[in-house]
Amino acid sequence: MHLIRKSFLIICFIFLLGSYPASGNQMIKAYEEANRFSITEITALKEKIEKEYESDQTLGNAFKLMLIKHNYALAKRDKESVDDGLRAIKSLYSKFNNPLLLAYLGSVETMKGDLSPDSSLKTAWVKRGIRKMDQAVNLTNKGDDLMVYVRMLRGNNYLNLPKMMKKTKTAQEDFKWIYETVYQSNPDRFKGENGGSLLYSYGKACELEGDIEMAGRLYKECIQKYRGTEYGRKAESGIEELKR
């Protein structure tokens, strides 16, 4: 039995908030560019990104390598890719000591737990990942652009943990913070399906936490603004589920 819900989609991590403005911060801009990778590009880009980092070990290239290793592991979902991602991101975090790297390290550790055949190790790895993602949020200033990325990552990760981990409330708080602090003031920053991802995920977290009224409002907003997209369709299914 998988500890992480099987509905966990790689799109949660690929799209995150790739269009969120970086206020001139070159490191965050590199993160935004790397975060536009589609699933089909991951394998082809992996070797290229690895070579780029090997020749130029900047934090911007570290972010790109972090993303490609994480998303490759999430797509492949096997021991080899997850272990490789874990080693790579752990090394990057040791070198740069950046909270975004710490958050992604925690996310890969939850994947490690998902794949473990031993129930005690499964739980231990997931709890280890949880601690790192929580620590990453605590290390990020609220006015920092990184806070948006870290909390979106943690929210999506926690949203897809089983109920026994009791993390949907934290996921709800993460999405609420992003929605109220960033999205409502300038929704145009969330291009493509980024806004749909936020609205649907926030709605799903509210639904799981029993706030059915808010969940319905968010699903309807998602359908209205992102009709025809993947998240618009998921929101339509969410509305139907609420009616049952």
Protein backbone atom coordinates (compact mmCIF):
# COMPACT_ATOMS: atom_id res chain seq x y z
CA MET A 1 0.00 0.00 0.00
CA HIS A 2 1.41 3.39 -0.97
CA LEU A 3 1.73 5.97 1.77
CA ILE A 4 1.39 8.80 -0.74
CA ARG A 5 -2.01 8.96 -2.47
CA LYS A 6 -1.87 7.62 -5.99
CA SER A 7 -3.66 10.72 -7.29
CA PHE A 8 -0.48 12.70 -6.68
CA LEU A 9 0.32 14.36 -10.04
CA ILE A 10 3.67 15.52 -11.30
CA ILE A 11 1.97 18.62 -12.65
CA CYS A 12 1.74 19.86 -9.07
CA PHE A 13 5.50 20.29 -9.04
CA ILE A 14 6.16 21.17 -12.65
CA PHE A 15 3.82 24.14 -12.72
CA LEU A 16 4.11 25.32 -9.11
CA LEU A 17 4.24 29.07 -9.76
CA GLY A 18 6.53 29.31 -12.75
CA SER A 19 5.23 32.72 -13.79
CA TYR A 20 5.47 34.43 -10.41
CA PRO A 21 7.57 37.60 -10.83
CA ALA A 22 11.09 37.47 -9.41
CA SER A 23 11.65 41.16 -8.70
CA GLY A 24 14.95 41.08 -10.60
CA ASN A 25 16.30 38.14 -8.61
CA GLN A 26 18.34 36.13 -11.13
CA MET A 27 18.29 32.99 -9.02
CA ILE A 28 14.50 32.96 -8.91
CA LYS A 29 14.33 33.67 -12.63
CA ALA A 30 16.42 30.58 -13.26
CA TYR A 31 14.00 28.67 -11.07
CA GLU A 32 11.05 29.96 -13.09
CA GLU A 33 12.64 28.90 -16.38
CA ALA A 34 13.45 25.42 -15.10
CA ASN A 35 9.96 25.03 -13.72
CA ARG A 36 8.39 25.24 -17.17
CA PHE A 37 9.55 21.72 -18.05
CA SER A 38 6.82 19.40 -19.23
CA ILE A 39 6.81 15.71 -18.37
CA THR A 40 7.93 14.72 -21.86
CA GLU A 41 10.90 17.08 -21.67
CA ILE A 42 12.25 15.79 -18.38
CA THR A 43 14.25 12.82 -19.66
CA ALA A 44 15.66 14.73 -22.63
CA LEU A 45 16.66 17.73 -20.49
CA LYS A 46 18.13 15.77 -17.61
CA GLU A 47 21.56 15.20 -19.16
CA LYS A 48 21.75 18.76 -20.47
CA ILE A 49 20.96 20.26 -17.04
CA GLU A 50 23.45 17.96 -15.32
CA LYS A 51 26.21 19.12 -17.71
CA GLU A 52 25.29 22.78 -17.24
CA TYR A 53 25.59 22.48 -13.48
CA GLU A 54 28.86 20.54 -13.73
CA SER A 55 30.43 23.34 -15.77
CA ASP A 56 28.88 26.27 -13.87
CA GLN A 57 27.90 25.54 -10.27
CA THR A 58 25.76 28.60 -9.55
CA LEU A 59 22.64 28.62 -7.39
CA GLY A 60 20.52 29.26 -10.48
CA ASN A 61 21.85 26.09 -12.10
CA ALA A 62 21.45 24.28 -8.80
CA PHE A 63 17.74 25.16 -8.85
CA LYS A 64 17.44 23.75 -12.37
CA LEU A 65 19.23 20.56 -11.38
CA MET A 66 17.07 20.27 -8.27
CA LEU A 67 13.90 20.51 -10.33
CA ILE A 68 14.97 18.06 -13.01
CA LYS A 69 16.13 15.49 -10.46
CA HIS A 70 12.97 15.88 -8.37
CA ASN A 71 10.57 15.78 -11.31
CA TYR A 72 12.40 12.88 -12.94
CA ALA A 73 12.08 10.89 -9.71
CA LEU A 74 8.41 11.84 -9.44
CA ALA A 75 7.77 10.72 -13.01
CA LYS A 76 9.75 7.47 -12.84
CA ARG A 77 8.68 6.64 -9.29
CA ASP A 78 11.31 3.94 -8.83
CA LYS A 79 14.07 3.37 -6.28
CA GLU A 80 16.92 4.26 -8.62
CA SER A 81 15.54 7.65 -9.68
CA VAL A 82 14.43 8.58 -6.16
CA ASP A 83 17.79 7.63 -4.62
CA ASP A 84 19.58 9.59 -7.34
CA GLY A 85 17.40 12.62 -6.69
CA LEU A 86 17.92 12.31 -2.96
CA ARG A 87 21.72 12.22 -3.31
CA ALA A 88 21.82 15.10 -5.77
CA ILE A 89 19.52 17.47 -3.88
CA LYS A 90 21.15 16.63 -0.54
CA SER A 91 24.53 17.59 -2.06
CA LEU A 92 23.08 20.80 -3.49
CA TYR A 93 21.59 21.76 -0.15
CA SER A 94 24.89 21.08 1.63
CA LYS A 95 26.64 23.40 -0.82
CA PHE A 96 24.15 26.28 -0.98
CA ASN A 97 22.11 25.97 2.25
CA ASN A 98 19.00 27.40 0.55
CA PRO A 99 15.46 26.84 1.94
CA LEU A 100 14.03 25.95 -1.47
CA LEU A 101 16.60 23.17 -1.82
CA LEU A 102 15.72 22.04 1.70
CA ALA A 103 12.02 21.91 0.80
CA TYR A 104 12.68 19.82 -2.29
CA LEU A 105 14.97 17.52 -0.32
CA GLY A 106 12.08 16.95 2.07
CA SER A 107 9.74 16.25 -0.84
CA VAL A 108 12.07 13.57 -2.25
CA GLU A 109 12.30 12.02 1.19
CA THR A 110 8.52 11.57 1.24
CA MET A 111 8.90 9.80 -2.13
CA LYS A 112 11.56 7.60 -0.56
CA GLY A 113 9.07 6.69 2.15
CA ASP A 114 6.40 5.96 -0.44
CA LEU A 115 8.64 3.37 -2.09
CA SER A 116 9.90 1.70 1.07
CA PRO A 117 8.55 -1.85 1.55
CA ASP A 118 9.09 -1.60 5.30
CA SER A 119 6.19 0.13 7.08
CA SER A 120 8.35 1.60 9.85
CA LEU A 121 10.91 2.96 7.38
CA LYS A 122 8.06 4.23 5.21
CA THR A 123 6.69 6.36 8.03
CA ALA A 124 10.16 7.44 9.18
CA TRP A 125 11.14 8.74 5.74
CA VAL A 126 7.87 10.62 5.31
CA LYS A 127 8.18 12.24 8.73
CA ARG A 128 11.76 13.17 7.91
CA GLY A 129 10.59 14.88 4.73
CA ILE A 130 7.82 16.67 6.60
CA ARG A 131 10.30 18.11 9.08
CA LYS A 132 12.47 19.47 6.29
CA MET A 133 9.56 21.12 4.46
CA ASP A 134 8.34 22.70 7.70
CA GLN A 135 11.85 23.91 8.43
CA ALA A 136 12.12 25.39 4.93
CA VAL A 137 8.95 27.42 5.47
CA ASN A 138 10.26 28.66 8.83
CA LEU A 139 13.56 29.70 7.22
CA THR A 140 11.85 31.79 4.52
CA ASN A 141 10.80 35.36 5.15
CA LYS A 142 7.15 36.16 4.42
CA GLY A 143 8.11 38.98 2.10
CA ASP A 144 10.50 36.79 0.14
CA ASP A 145 9.46 35.41 -3.25
CA LEU A 146 10.79 32.03 -2.13
CA MET A 147 7.98 31.77 0.41
CA VAL A 148 5.46 31.31 -2.41
CA TYR A 149 7.41 28.46 -3.99
CA VAL A 150 8.16 26.71 -0.72
CA ARG A 151 4.58 26.86 0.53
CA MET A 152 3.12 25.76 -2.82
CA LEU A 153 5.46 22.76 -2.80
CA ARG A 154 4.64 21.89 0.80
CA GLY A 155 0.92 22.38 0.28
CA ASN A 156 0.79 20.06 -2.72
CA ASN A 157 2.91 17.48 -0.94
CA TYR A 158 0.82 17.56 2.23
CA LEU A 159 -2.42 17.52 0.29
CA ASN A 160 -1.45 14.14 -1.09
CA LEU A 161 -0.31 12.52 2.13
CA PRO A 162 -2.73 10.01 3.69
CA LYS A 163 -5.19 11.26 6.30
CA MET A 164 -3.27 9.48 9.06
CA MET A 165 -0.47 12.05 8.70
CA LYS A 166 -2.95 14.86 9.54
CA LYS A 167 -1.38 17.40 7.19
CA THR A 168 -4.32 18.63 5.12
CA LYS A 169 -4.91 21.52 7.56
CA THR A 170 -1.37 22.78 6.93
CA ALA A 171 -1.89 22.37 3.18
CA GLN A 172 -5.08 24.42 3.47
CA GLU A 173 -3.18 27.16 5.33
CA ASP A 174 -0.41 27.19 2.72
CA PHE A 175 -2.84 27.59 -0.18
CA LYS A 176 -4.88 30.17 1.72
CA TRP A 177 -1.77 32.27 2.34
CA ILE A 178 -0.79 32.18 -1.35
CA TYR A 179 -4.37 32.86 -2.47
CA GLU A 180 -4.91 35.84 -0.15
CA THR A 181 -1.40 37.29 -0.24
CA VAL A 182 -0.51 36.90 -3.92
CA TYR A 183 -3.31 35.56 -6.11
CA GLN A 184 -6.17 37.88 -5.17
CA SER A 185 -4.10 41.03 -5.63
CA ASN A 186 -2.79 40.02 -9.06
CA PRO A 187 -4.21 36.80 -10.54
CA ASP A 188 -2.51 37.56 -13.88
CA ARG A 189 0.74 36.45 -12.30
CA PHE A 190 -0.61 32.91 -12.38
CA LYS A 191 -0.44 32.17 -16.10
CA GLY A 192 -1.42 28.94 -17.80
CA GLU A 193 -2.74 26.37 -15.38
CA ASN A 194 -0.84 27.79 -12.40
CA GLY A 195 -3.94 29.60 -11.14
CA GLY A 196 -6.09 26.57 -11.78
CA SER A 197 -3.66 24.43 -9.80
CA LEU A 198 -3.83 26.81 -6.85
CA LEU A 199 -7.62 27.18 -6.87
CA TYR A 200 -8.30 23.47 -7.24
CA SER A 201 -5.71 22.44 -4.64
CA TYR A 202 -6.97 25.03 -2.16
CA GLY A 203 -10.53 23.87 -2.78
CA LYS A 204 -9.57 20.23 -2.30
CA ALA A 205 -7.80 21.02 0.97
CA CYS A 206 -10.90 22.88 2.19
CA GLU A 207 -13.08 19.93 1.20
CA LEU A 208 -10.88 17.47 3.10
CA GLU A 209 -10.97 19.77 6.13
CA GLY A 210 -14.77 19.95 6.05
CA ASP A 211 -15.11 23.54 4.81
CA ILE A 212 -17.53 22.54 2.04
CA GLU A 213 -18.79 26.08 1.39
CA MET A 214 -15.29 27.43 0.71
CA ALA A 215 -14.40 24.36 -1.34
CA GLY A 216 -17.44 24.95 -3.56
CA ARG A 217 -16.56 28.62 -4.02
CA LEU A 218 -13.01 27.79 -5.05
CA TYR A 219 -14.08 25.02 -7.41
CA LYS A 220 -16.57 27.40 -9.06
CA GLU A 221 -13.91 30.11 -9.39
CA CYS A 222 -11.55 27.56 -10.92
CA ILE A 223 -14.19 26.47 -13.44
CA GLN A 224 -15.06 30.06 -14.32
CA LYS A 225 -11.46 31.18 -14.87
CA TYR A 226 -9.89 27.98 -16.19
CA ARG A 227 -12.70 26.18 -17.98
CA GLY A 228 -11.40 23.56 -20.39
CA THR A 229 -8.08 23.11 -18.59
CA GLU A 230 -7.11 20.06 -16.58
CA TYR A 231 -7.83 21.82 -13.30
CA GLY A 232 -11.09 23.22 -14.59
CA ARG A 233 -12.21 19.67 -15.31
CA LYS A 234 -10.99 18.46 -11.92
CA ALA A 235 -12.95 21.30 -10.28
CA GLU A 236 -16.08 20.24 -12.16
CA SER A 237 -15.63 16.73 -10.76
CA GLY A 238 -15.09 18.26 -7.34
CA ILE A 239 -18.41 20.12 -7.57
CA GLU A 240 -20.17 16.88 -8.48
CA GLU A 241 -18.58 15.12 -5.51
CA LEU A 242 -19.79 17.85 -3.16
CA LYS A 243 -23.36 17.31 -4.35
CA ARG A 244 -23.34 13.65 -3.35
